[in-house]
Amino acid sequence: MFADLVKCELFYLQKLRTFKILFVLMAVNALLTIAVASATRDFWAALGMPDVFSGINLYYAALGDTIVMVLAGSVLAGIFLCSDFENKTLQAAISSGYSRFSVIAAKTLVYFFALAVLLLPAAIITVAALLFLPEFGMVFTPEILVHMAAVFVVMILVYAASLSICVPFAFALKRSSAVTALSLIVLFLAVTLFSSIGQFVPWIGTVLSWLPFTLPSTVLVSGVLPIDLLRAAGICVGFILLMTAAACGVFRRADLK
């Protein structure tokens, strides 16, 4: 039964025009990153930092466009997660015998899959640029390819965990515009304001180090160790489970009309 729910959610995602538009915009953003990196190479070299957008650092820059990913993920969450409330299909699924947990799990799993797909253009386009544009100076080895794949997987988890706060918001508010607006406010505060404060207030920095919002600054750095990637993945999985439990608690008490 759960597999049927996942298939239904995947079918809806495939037909969702907003998702297709966001995918194209993410690809355009990746291309713009490459263009900016190419156009500013001389500028950074003049400042004595020629490697800012060269080699693996370009890959990190493409995957680390947190603001764009937060914006895309919040918009998608508002439309994808709340659609079943607005068109009453969620109520029909519950009345057909599906448990509330299975409904949450299916929608959350497909939402995270959608986030991974949205991140894919950044990885593919950047790797293509590193392969075919010699100006970026990237030499691929098996070790580098494994490292890039591991970083990509961890960044999927980072964005999924950061945007998982949209899930309880969706099941609590049930309106796409409200979910998108609240998610953007909370995530922008977490990614920008709170992260900046954490650099000057030690206890805030300690708390934030155990949350997914600041993990890009530790994952997307040269010389990141496998243990750091595993720690980041563990934090993300724990936060996702916490947000899923919160969504279950909210949805269990929700009155479906």
C-alpha atoms as a PDB file:
ATOM      1  CA  MET A   1       0.000   0.000   0.000  1.00  0.00           C
ATOM      2  CA  PHE A   2       2.818   2.383   0.841  1.00  0.00           C
ATOM      3  CA  ALA A   3       4.391   1.796  -2.580  1.00  0.00           C
ATOM      4  CA  ASP A   4       1.118   2.838  -4.199  1.00  0.00           C
ATOM      5  CA  LEU A   5       1.177   6.117  -2.277  1.00  0.00           C
ATOM      6  CA  VAL A   6       4.744   6.793  -3.378  1.00  0.00           C
ATOM      7  CA  LYS A   7       3.835   6.069  -6.997  1.00  0.00           C
ATOM      8  CA  CYS A   8       0.908   8.486  -6.783  1.00  0.00           C
ATOM      9  CA  GLU A   9       3.124  11.203  -5.337  1.00  0.00           C
ATOM     10  CA  LEU A  10       5.765  10.618  -8.013  1.00  0.00           C
ATOM     11  CA  PHE A  11       3.111  10.811 -10.715  1.00  0.00           C
ATOM     12  CA  TYR A  12       1.839  14.095  -9.300  1.00  0.00           C
ATOM     13  CA  LEU A  13       5.401  15.469  -9.079  1.00  0.00           C
ATOM     14  CA  GLN A  14       6.024  14.485 -12.701  1.00  0.00           C
ATOM     15  CA  LYS A  15       2.959  16.449 -13.790  1.00  0.00           C
ATOM     16  CA  LEU A  16       3.649  19.467 -11.583  1.00  0.00           C
ATOM     17  CA  ARG A  17       4.505  22.447 -13.778  1.00  0.00           C
ATOM     18  CA  THR A  18       6.119  24.323 -10.889  1.00  0.00           C
ATOM     19  CA  PHE A  19       8.633  21.521 -10.408  1.00  0.00           C
ATOM     20  CA  LYS A  20       9.596  21.615 -14.085  1.00  0.00           C
ATOM     21  CA  ILE A  21      10.026  25.396 -13.979  1.00  0.00           C
ATOM     22  CA  LEU A  22      12.177  25.172 -10.847  1.00  0.00           C
ATOM     23  CA  PHE A  23      14.340  22.498 -12.476  1.00  0.00           C
ATOM     24  CA  VAL A  24      14.980  24.749 -15.475  1.00  0.00           C
ATOM     25  CA  LEU A  25      15.745  27.708 -13.211  1.00  0.00           C
ATOM     26  CA  MET A  26      18.226  25.609 -11.219  1.00  0.00           C
ATOM     27  CA  ALA A  27      19.963  24.646 -14.461  1.00  0.00           C
ATOM     28  CA  VAL A  28      20.098  28.298 -15.515  1.00  0.00           C
ATOM     29  CA  ASN A  29      21.518  29.223 -12.116  1.00  0.00           C
ATOM     30  CA  ALA A  30      24.257  26.589 -12.522  1.00  0.00           C
ATOM     31  CA  LEU A  31      25.131  27.986 -15.944  1.00  0.00           C
ATOM     32  CA  LEU A  32      25.294  31.490 -14.487  1.00  0.00           C
ATOM     33  CA  THR A  33      27.649  30.237 -11.777  1.00  0.00           C
ATOM     34  CA  ILE A  34      29.973  28.874 -14.458  1.00  0.00           C
ATOM     35  CA  ALA A  35      29.752  32.132 -16.425  1.00  0.00           C
ATOM     36  CA  VAL A  36      30.523  34.279 -13.371  1.00  0.00           C
ATOM     37  CA  ALA A  37      33.405  32.010 -12.402  1.00  0.00           C
ATOM     38  CA  SER A  38      34.885  32.305 -15.893  1.00  0.00           C
ATOM     39  CA  ALA A  39      34.407  36.082 -16.064  1.00  0.00           C
ATOM     40  CA  THR A  40      35.960  36.784 -12.657  1.00  0.00           C
ATOM     41  CA  ARG A  41      39.031  34.555 -12.869  1.00  0.00           C
ATOM     42  CA  ASP A  42      41.358  37.479 -13.573  1.00  0.00           C
ATOM     43  CA  PHE A  43      39.827  39.504 -10.742  1.00  0.00           C
ATOM     44  CA  TRP A  44      40.443  36.783  -8.152  1.00  0.00           C
ATOM     45  CA  ALA A  45      43.915  36.132  -9.533  1.00  0.00           C
ATOM     46  CA  ALA A  46      44.751  39.830  -9.110  1.00  0.00           C
ATOM     47  CA  LEU A  47      43.721  39.535  -5.450  1.00  0.00           C
ATOM     48  CA  GLY A  48      46.064  36.582  -5.011  1.00  0.00           C
ATOM     49  CA  MET A  49      43.245  34.027  -4.850  1.00  0.00           C
ATOM     50  CA  PRO A  50      43.295  32.274  -8.239  1.00  0.00           C
ATOM     51  CA  ASP A  51      41.720  29.085  -6.878  1.00  0.00           C
ATOM     52  CA  VAL A  52      38.447  30.622  -5.643  1.00  0.00           C
ATOM     53  CA  PHE A  53      36.489  29.350  -8.660  1.00  0.00           C
ATOM     54  CA  SER A  54      38.916  26.745  -9.975  1.00  0.00           C
ATOM     55  CA  GLY A  55      38.853  22.969  -9.773  1.00  0.00           C
ATOM     56  CA  ILE A  56      36.955  21.439  -6.894  1.00  0.00           C
ATOM     57  CA  ASN A  57      36.146  24.873  -5.464  1.00  0.00           C
ATOM     58  CA  LEU A  58      33.883  25.550  -8.443  1.00  0.00           C
ATOM     59  CA  TYR A  59      32.017  22.332  -7.669  1.00  0.00           C
ATOM     60  CA  TYR A  60      31.657  23.411  -4.033  1.00  0.00           C
ATOM     61  CA  ALA A  61      30.379  26.836  -5.104  1.00  0.00           C
ATOM     62  CA  ALA A  62      27.732  25.320  -7.371  1.00  0.00           C
ATOM     63  CA  LEU A  63      26.443  22.930  -4.697  1.00  0.00           C
ATOM     64  CA  GLY A  64      26.626  25.574  -1.985  1.00  0.00           C
ATOM     65  CA  ASP A  65      24.168  28.087  -3.436  1.00  0.00           C
ATOM     66  CA  THR A  66      22.076  27.781  -0.292  1.00  0.00           C
ATOM     67  CA  ILE A  67      19.829  30.800  -0.819  1.00  0.00           C
ATOM     68  CA  VAL A  68      18.680  29.615  -4.244  1.00  0.00           C
ATOM     69  CA  MET A  69      18.061  26.077  -2.972  1.00  0.00           C
ATOM     70  CA  VAL A  70      16.108  27.357   0.024  1.00  0.00           C
ATOM     71  CA  LEU A  71      13.977  29.527  -2.235  1.00  0.00           C
ATOM     72  CA  ALA A  72      13.260  26.696  -4.685  1.00  0.00           C
ATOM     73  CA  GLY A  73      12.635  24.162  -1.932  1.00  0.00           C
ATOM     74  CA  SER A  74      10.257  26.444  -0.041  1.00  0.00           C
ATOM     75  CA  VAL A  75       8.214  27.216  -3.136  1.00  0.00           C
ATOM     76  CA  LEU A  76       8.033  23.519  -4.015  1.00  0.00           C
ATOM     77  CA  ALA A  77       7.062  22.611  -0.445  1.00  0.00           C
ATOM     78  CA  GLY A  78       4.170  25.050  -0.411  1.00  0.00           C
ATOM     79  CA  ILE A  79       2.717  23.672  -3.638  1.00  0.00           C
ATOM     80  CA  PHE A  80       3.623  19.980  -3.445  1.00  0.00           C
ATOM     81  CA  LEU A  81       3.043  19.310   0.259  1.00  0.00           C
ATOM     82  CA  CYS A  82      -0.162  21.334   0.567  1.00  0.00           C
ATOM     83  CA  SER A  83      -1.842  20.366  -2.710  1.00  0.00           C
ATOM     84  CA  ASP A  84      -3.629  17.346  -1.242  1.00  0.00           C
ATOM     85  CA  PHE A  85      -5.210  19.475   1.467  1.00  0.00           C
ATOM     86  CA  GLU A  86      -6.499  21.980  -1.055  1.00  0.00           C
ATOM     87  CA  ASN A  87      -7.908  19.449  -3.552  1.00  0.00           C
ATOM     88  CA  LYS A  88      -9.169  17.026  -0.837  1.00  0.00           C
ATOM     89  CA  THR A  89      -7.252  14.003  -2.154  1.00  0.00           C
ATOM     90  CA  LEU A  90      -5.495  13.552   1.195  1.00  0.00           C
ATOM     91  CA  GLN A  91      -8.828  13.180   2.966  1.00  0.00           C
ATOM     92  CA  ALA A  92      -9.808  10.568   0.377  1.00  0.00           C
ATOM     93  CA  ALA A  93      -6.573   8.650   0.993  1.00  0.00           C
ATOM     94  CA  ILE A  94      -7.195   8.562   4.752  1.00  0.00           C
ATOM     95  CA  SER A  95     -10.785   7.418   4.295  1.00  0.00           C
ATOM     96  CA  SER A  96      -9.536   4.674   1.947  1.00  0.00           C
ATOM     97  CA  GLY A  97      -7.565   3.083   4.762  1.00  0.00           C
ATOM     98  CA  TYR A  98      -4.095   4.617   4.490  1.00  0.00           C
ATOM     99  CA  SER A  99      -2.553   5.573   7.821  1.00  0.00           C
ATOM    100  CA  ARG A 100      -1.603   9.159   8.484  1.00  0.00           C
ATOM    101  CA  PHE A 101       2.018   8.132   8.997  1.00  0.00           C
ATOM    102  CA  SER A 102       2.168   6.435   5.581  1.00  0.00           C
ATOM    103  CA  VAL A 103       0.743   9.576   3.959  1.00  0.00           C
ATOM    104  CA  ILE A 104       3.374  11.766   5.638  1.00  0.00           C
ATOM    105  CA  ALA A 105       6.181   9.326   4.834  1.00  0.00           C
ATOM    106  CA  ALA A 106       5.223   9.079   1.161  1.00  0.00           C
ATOM    107  CA  LYS A 107       4.910  12.820   0.629  1.00  0.00           C
ATOM    108  CA  THR A 108       8.145  13.521   2.550  1.00  0.00           C
ATOM    109  CA  LEU A 109      10.116  10.861   0.697  1.00  0.00           C
ATOM    110  CA  VAL A 110       9.025  12.140  -2.715  1.00  0.00           C
ATOM    111  CA  TYR A 111       9.633  15.746  -1.643  1.00  0.00           C
ATOM    112  CA  PHE A 112      13.217  14.870  -0.699  1.00  0.00           C
ATOM    113  CA  PHE A 113      13.618  13.070  -4.025  1.00  0.00           C
ATOM    114  CA  ALA A 114      12.459  16.256  -5.769  1.00  0.00           C
ATOM    115  CA  LEU A 115      15.084  18.277  -3.880  1.00  0.00           C
ATOM    116  CA  ALA A 116      17.774  15.846  -5.050  1.00  0.00           C
ATOM    117  CA  VAL A 117      16.601  16.272  -8.639  1.00  0.00           C
ATOM    118  CA  LEU A 118      16.711  20.062  -8.269  1.00  0.00           C
ATOM    119  CA  LEU A 119      20.320  19.857  -7.057  1.00  0.00           C
ATOM    120  CA  LEU A 120      21.323  17.587  -9.930  1.00  0.00           C
ATOM    121  CA  PRO A 121      21.825  20.336 -12.585  1.00  0.00           C
ATOM    122  CA  ALA A 122      24.421  22.071 -10.406  1.00  0.00           C
ATOM    123  CA  ALA A 123      26.490  18.884 -10.165  1.00  0.00           C
ATOM    124  CA  ILE A 124      26.132  17.794 -13.799  1.00  0.00           C
ATOM    125  CA  ILE A 125      26.748  21.206 -15.367  1.00  0.00           C
ATOM    126  CA  THR A 126      29.718  21.939 -13.113  1.00  0.00           C
ATOM    127  CA  VAL A 127      31.348  18.567 -13.761  1.00  0.00           C
ATOM    128  CA  ALA A 128      30.843  19.104 -17.499  1.00  0.00           C
ATOM    129  CA  ALA A 129      32.503  22.520 -17.246  1.00  0.00           C
ATOM    130  CA  LEU A 130      35.435  21.038 -15.314  1.00  0.00           C
ATOM    131  CA  LEU A 131      35.790  18.313 -17.939  1.00  0.00           C
ATOM    132  CA  PHE A 132      35.573  20.414 -21.091  1.00  0.00           C
ATOM    133  CA  LEU A 133      36.801  23.869 -20.054  1.00  0.00           C
ATOM    134  CA  PRO A 134      40.553  23.670 -19.388  1.00  0.00           C
ATOM    135  CA  GLU A 135      40.574  27.154 -17.840  1.00  0.00           C
ATOM    136  CA  PHE A 136      39.192  25.690 -14.613  1.00  0.00           C
ATOM    137  CA  GLY A 137      42.147  23.353 -14.240  1.00  0.00           C
ATOM    138  CA  MET A 138      40.531  20.147 -12.984  1.00  0.00           C
ATOM    139  CA  VAL A 139      42.175  16.743 -13.273  1.00  0.00           C
ATOM    140  CA  PHE A 140      39.852  13.883 -12.419  1.00  0.00           C
ATOM    141  CA  THR A 141      41.062  10.819 -10.564  1.00  0.00           C
ATOM    142  CA  PRO A 142      39.044   7.940  -9.052  1.00  0.00           C
ATOM    143  CA  GLU A 143      39.587   9.401  -5.584  1.00  0.00           C
ATOM    144  CA  ILE A 144      38.301  12.817  -6.648  1.00  0.00           C
ATOM    145  CA  LEU A 145      35.240  11.294  -8.325  1.00  0.00           C
ATOM    146  CA  VAL A 146      34.391   9.315  -5.183  1.00  0.00           C
ATOM    147  CA  HIS A 147      34.859  12.447  -3.078  1.00  0.00           C
ATOM    148  CA  MET A 148      32.613  14.509  -5.367  1.00  0.00           C
ATOM    149  CA  ALA A 149      29.918  11.830  -5.286  1.00  0.00           C
ATOM    150  CA  ALA A 150      30.080  11.633  -1.486  1.00  0.00           C
ATOM    151  CA  VAL A 151      29.838  15.413  -1.146  1.00  0.00           C
ATOM    152  CA  PHE A 152      26.851  15.462  -3.501  1.00  0.00           C
ATOM    153  CA  VAL A 153      25.009  12.815  -1.463  1.00  0.00           C
ATOM    154  CA  VAL A 154      25.730  14.636   1.799  1.00  0.00           C
ATOM    155  CA  MET A 155      24.553  17.955   0.343  1.00  0.00           C
ATOM    156  CA  ILE A 156      21.289  16.284  -0.682  1.00  0.00           C
ATOM    157  CA  LEU A 157      20.877  15.267   2.951  1.00  0.00           C
ATOM    158  CA  VAL A 158      21.807  18.773   4.122  1.00  0.00           C
ATOM    159  CA  TYR A 159      19.179  20.438   1.961  1.00  0.00           C
ATOM    160  CA  ALA A 160      16.604  17.761   2.733  1.00  0.00           C
ATOM    161  CA  ALA A 161      17.187  18.237   6.464  1.00  0.00           C
ATOM    162  CA  SER A 162      17.144  22.036   6.268  1.00  0.00           C
ATOM    163  CA  LEU A 163      13.933  22.046   4.234  1.00  0.00           C
ATOM    164  CA  SER A 164      12.331  19.301   6.323  1.00  0.00           C
ATOM    165  CA  ILE A 165      10.946  22.051   8.564  1.00  0.00           C
ATOM    166  CA  CYS A 166       8.502  22.660   5.695  1.00  0.00           C
ATOM    167  CA  VAL A 167       6.854  19.293   6.382  1.00  0.00           C
ATOM    168  CA  PRO A 168       5.356  20.064   9.831  1.00  0.00           C
ATOM    169  CA  PHE A 169       4.554  23.571   8.594  1.00  0.00           C
ATOM    170  CA  ALA A 170       2.582  22.068   5.695  1.00  0.00           C
ATOM    171  CA  PHE A 171       0.560  19.694   7.867  1.00  0.00           C
ATOM    172  CA  ALA A 172      -0.099  22.446  10.402  1.00  0.00           C
ATOM    173  CA  LEU A 173      -0.991  25.342   8.082  1.00  0.00           C
ATOM    174  CA  LYS A 174      -2.344  23.415   5.046  1.00  0.00           C
ATOM    175  CA  ARG A 175      -2.059  26.482   2.792  1.00  0.00           C
ATOM    176  CA  SER A 176       0.657  26.731   0.156  1.00  0.00           C
ATOM    177  CA  SER A 177       1.216  30.490   0.426  1.00  0.00           C
ATOM    178  CA  ALA A 178       1.496  30.371   4.228  1.00  0.00           C
ATOM    179  CA  VAL A 179       3.897  27.415   4.162  1.00  0.00           C
ATOM    180  CA  THR A 180       6.129  29.016   1.542  1.00  0.00           C
ATOM    181  CA  ALA A 181       6.233  32.363   3.362  1.00  0.00           C
ATOM    182  CA  LEU A 182       6.900  30.900   6.821  1.00  0.00           C
ATOM    183  CA  SER A 183       9.512  28.465   5.501  1.00  0.00           C
ATOM    184  CA  LEU A 184      11.367  31.261   3.714  1.00  0.00           C
ATOM    185  CA  ILE A 185      11.379  33.463   6.805  1.00  0.00           C
ATOM    186  CA  VAL A 186      12.606  30.735   9.147  1.00  0.00           C
ATOM    187  CA  LEU A 187      15.198  29.354   6.740  1.00  0.00           C
ATOM    188  CA  PHE A 188      16.597  32.743   5.743  1.00  0.00           C
ATOM    189  CA  LEU A 189      16.949  33.643   9.420  1.00  0.00           C
ATOM    190  CA  ALA A 190      18.657  30.312  10.148  1.00  0.00           C
ATOM    191  CA  VAL A 191      20.984  30.461   7.150  1.00  0.00           C
ATOM    192  CA  THR A 192      21.940  34.150   7.349  1.00  0.00           C
ATOM    193  CA  LEU A 193      21.188  35.971  10.600  1.00  0.00           C
ATOM    194  CA  PHE A 194      21.602  33.154  13.122  1.00  0.00           C
ATOM    195  CA  SER A 195      24.712  31.835  11.379  1.00  0.00           C
ATOM    196  CA  SER A 196      26.308  35.286  11.558  1.00  0.00           C
ATOM    197  CA  ILE A 197      25.406  35.674  15.227  1.00  0.00           C
ATOM    198  CA  GLY A 198      26.850  32.229  15.936  1.00  0.00           C
ATOM    199  CA  GLN A 199      30.293  33.468  14.912  1.00  0.00           C
ATOM    200  CA  PHE A 200      30.270  35.961  17.782  1.00  0.00           C
ATOM    201  CA  VAL A 201      28.150  34.203  20.423  1.00  0.00           C
ATOM    202  CA  PRO A 202      29.816  30.864  21.281  1.00  0.00           C
ATOM    203  CA  TRP A 203      26.775  29.059  22.672  1.00  0.00           C
ATOM    204  CA  ILE A 204      24.666  29.914  19.633  1.00  0.00           C
ATOM    205  CA  GLY A 205      27.463  28.696  17.389  1.00  0.00           C
ATOM    206  CA  THR A 206      27.588  25.425  19.339  1.00  0.00           C
ATOM    207  CA  VAL A 207      23.846  24.892  18.969  1.00  0.00           C
ATOM    208  CA  LEU A 208      23.936  25.693  15.266  1.00  0.00           C
ATOM    209  CA  SER A 209      26.793  23.255  14.714  1.00  0.00           C
ATOM    210  CA  TRP A 210      24.327  20.460  15.538  1.00  0.00           C
ATOM    211  CA  LEU A 211      21.721  21.734  13.084  1.00  0.00           C
ATOM    212  CA  PRO A 212      21.782  21.271   9.300  1.00  0.00           C
ATOM    213  CA  PHE A 213      21.552  24.970   8.408  1.00  0.00           C
ATOM    214  CA  THR A 214      25.266  25.703   8.834  1.00  0.00           C
ATOM    215  CA  LEU A 215      26.617  22.407   7.493  1.00  0.00           C
ATOM    216  CA  PRO A 216      27.473  23.678   3.984  1.00  0.00           C
ATOM    217  CA  SER A 217      30.291  25.724   5.513  1.00  0.00           C
ATOM    218  CA  THR A 218      31.848  22.541   6.938  1.00  0.00           C
ATOM    219  CA  VAL A 219      31.077  20.140   4.070  1.00  0.00           C
ATOM    220  CA  LEU A 220      32.003  22.350   1.103  1.00  0.00           C
ATOM    221  CA  VAL A 221      35.608  23.068   2.035  1.00  0.00           C
ATOM    222  CA  SER A 222      38.879  21.803   0.627  1.00  0.00           C
ATOM    223  CA  GLY A 223      40.300  18.948   2.618  1.00  0.00           C
ATOM    224  CA  VAL A 224      37.014  17.918   4.254  1.00  0.00           C
ATOM    225  CA  LEU A 225      37.509  14.513   5.857  1.00  0.00           C
ATOM    226  CA  PRO A 226      35.242  11.453   5.514  1.00  0.00           C
ATOM    227  CA  ILE A 227      34.507  11.651   9.247  1.00  0.00           C
ATOM    228  CA  ASP A 228      33.204  15.190   8.746  1.00  0.00           C
ATOM    229  CA  LEU A 229      30.911  14.001   5.960  1.00  0.00           C
ATOM    230  CA  LEU A 230      29.642  11.153   8.145  1.00  0.00           C
ATOM    231  CA  ARG A 231      28.997  13.555  11.029  1.00  0.00           C
ATOM    232  CA  ALA A 232      27.071  15.888   8.735  1.00  0.00           C
ATOM    233  CA  ALA A 233      25.025  12.988   7.360  1.00  0.00           C
ATOM    234  CA  GLY A 234      24.220  11.808  10.887  1.00  0.00           C
ATOM    235  CA  ILE A 235      23.057  15.271  11.953  1.00  0.00           C
ATOM    236  CA  CYS A 236      20.853  15.505   8.870  1.00  0.00           C
ATOM    237  CA  VAL A 237      19.244  12.101   9.353  1.00  0.00           C
ATOM    238  CA  GLY A 238      18.535  12.901  13.002  1.00  0.00           C
ATOM    239  CA  PHE A 239      16.981  16.270  12.131  1.00  0.00           C
ATOM    240  CA  ILE A 240      14.839  14.708   9.378  1.00  0.00           C
ATOM    241  CA  LEU A 241      13.515  12.120  11.840  1.00  0.00           C
ATOM    242  CA  LEU A 242      12.760  14.890  14.334  1.00  0.00           C
ATOM    243  CA  MET A 243      10.823  16.956  11.785  1.00  0.00           C
ATOM    244  CA  THR A 244       8.965  13.851  10.566  1.00  0.00           C
ATOM    245  CA  ALA A 245       7.957  13.074  14.140  1.00  0.00           C
ATOM    246  CA  ALA A 246       6.793  16.678  14.561  1.00  0.00           C
ATOM    247  CA  ALA A 247       4.723  16.406  11.376  1.00  0.00           C
ATOM    248  CA  CYS A 248       3.183  13.158  12.626  1.00  0.00           C
ATOM    249  CA  GLY A 249       2.274  14.810  15.908  1.00  0.00           C
ATOM    250  CA  VAL A 250       0.651  17.746  14.143  1.00  0.00           C
ATOM    251  CA  PHE A 251      -1.181  15.596  11.606  1.00  0.00           C
ATOM    252  CA  ARG A 252      -2.449  13.153  14.229  1.00  0.00           C
ATOM    253  CA  ARG A 253      -4.355  15.968  15.916  1.00  0.00           C
ATOM    254  CA  ALA A 254      -5.431  17.637  12.684  1.00  0.00           C
ATOM    255  CA  ASP A 255      -9.087  17.783  11.796  1.00  0.00           C
ATOM    256  CA  LEU A 256      -9.533  16.867   8.147  1.00  0.00           C
ATOM    257  CA  LYS A 257     -12.476  18.613   6.511  1.00  0.00           C
END
